[in-house]
């Protein structure tokens, strides 16, 4: 059963809020990683890169879900 317009709007706003939180997390992660790297700590680079890649995949999955949601509407 397709969502109503109000339900789709609520889902899209929730996804937007979640994406913004993830992007802010990625910016903080980049800042903390660069600070540690410039301070001489090389051990944080790969874990930070993996977490950032997971955030990218999560955002891509949300975008794919949004595309499916819009296609189901038509």
Protein backbone atom coordinates (compact mmCIF):
# COMPACT_ATOMS: atom_id res chain seq x y z
CA UNK A 1 0.00 0.00 0.00
CA UNK A 2 1.52 3.36 -0.98
CA UNK A 3 2.05 6.07 1.60
CA UNK A 4 -0.19 9.12 1.71
CA UNK A 5 1.33 12.49 0.91
CA UNK A 6 1.57 13.41 4.60
CA UNK A 7 3.25 10.11 5.44
CA UNK A 8 5.79 10.56 2.62
CA UNK A 9 6.54 14.07 3.82
CA UNK A 10 7.16 12.80 7.36
CA UNK A 11 9.44 10.02 6.09
CA UNK A 12 11.41 12.44 3.90
CA UNK A 13 11.86 14.94 6.75
CA UNK A 14 13.03 12.16 9.05
CA UNK A 15 15.51 10.94 6.44
CA UNK A 16 16.76 14.50 5.91
CA UNK A 17 17.35 14.93 9.65
CA UNK A 18 19.19 11.60 9.78
CA UNK A 19 21.36 12.53 6.77
CA UNK A 20 22.25 15.88 8.33
CA UNK A 21 23.31 14.15 11.55
CA UNK A 22 25.48 11.72 9.57
CA UNK A 23 27.09 14.54 7.58
CA UNK A 24 27.86 16.46 10.77
CA UNK A 25 29.34 13.25 12.21
CA UNK A 26 31.53 12.88 9.12
CA UNK A 27 32.75 16.49 9.40
CA UNK A 28 33.61 15.94 13.07
CA UNK A 29 35.34 12.68 12.17
CA UNK A 30 37.42 14.42 9.50
CA UNK A 31 38.41 17.18 11.90
CA UNK A 32 39.35 14.77 14.69
CA UNK A 33 41.28 12.53 12.30
CA UNK A 34 43.23 15.42 10.80
CA UNK A 35 44.00 16.74 14.29
CA UNK A 36 45.29 13.33 15.39
CA UNK A 37 47.26 12.80 12.16
CA UNK A 38 48.91 16.21 12.33
CA UNK A 39 49.71 15.46 15.97
CA UNK A 40 51.65 12.38 14.89
CA UNK A 41 49.09 9.65 15.55
CA UNK A 42 48.80 7.52 12.41
CA UNK A 43 46.73 4.77 14.01
CA UNK A 44 43.40 6.57 13.59
CA UNK A 45 43.48 6.95 9.81
CA UNK A 46 42.16 3.54 8.75
CA UNK A 47 39.42 3.20 11.40
CA UNK A 48 38.22 6.71 10.57
CA UNK A 49 38.24 5.92 6.85
CA UNK A 50 36.18 2.77 7.45
CA UNK A 51 33.62 4.61 9.58
CA UNK A 52 33.40 7.40 7.00
CA UNK A 53 32.84 4.81 4.26
CA UNK A 54 30.06 3.23 6.34
CA UNK A 55 28.43 6.65 6.70
CA UNK A 56 28.65 7.12 2.93
CA UNK A 57 27.03 3.72 2.34
CA UNK A 58 24.27 4.52 4.82
CA UNK A 59 23.51 7.81 3.07
CA UNK A 60 23.54 6.06 -0.32
CA UNK A 61 21.11 3.47 1.02
CA UNK A 62 18.80 6.21 2.25
CA UNK A 63 18.94 7.87 -1.17
CA UNK A 64 18.10 4.55 -2.83
CA UNK A 65 15.16 4.07 -0.46
CA UNK A 66 13.94 7.57 -1.31
CA UNK A 67 14.06 6.68 -5.03
CA UNK A 68 12.02 3.54 -4.37
CA UNK A 69 9.54 5.56 -2.32
CA UNK A 70 9.04 8.01 -5.18
CA UNK A 71 8.74 5.24 -7.79
CA UNK A 72 6.10 3.49 -5.70
CA UNK A 73 4.10 6.70 -5.71
CA UNK A 74 3.82 6.79 -9.48
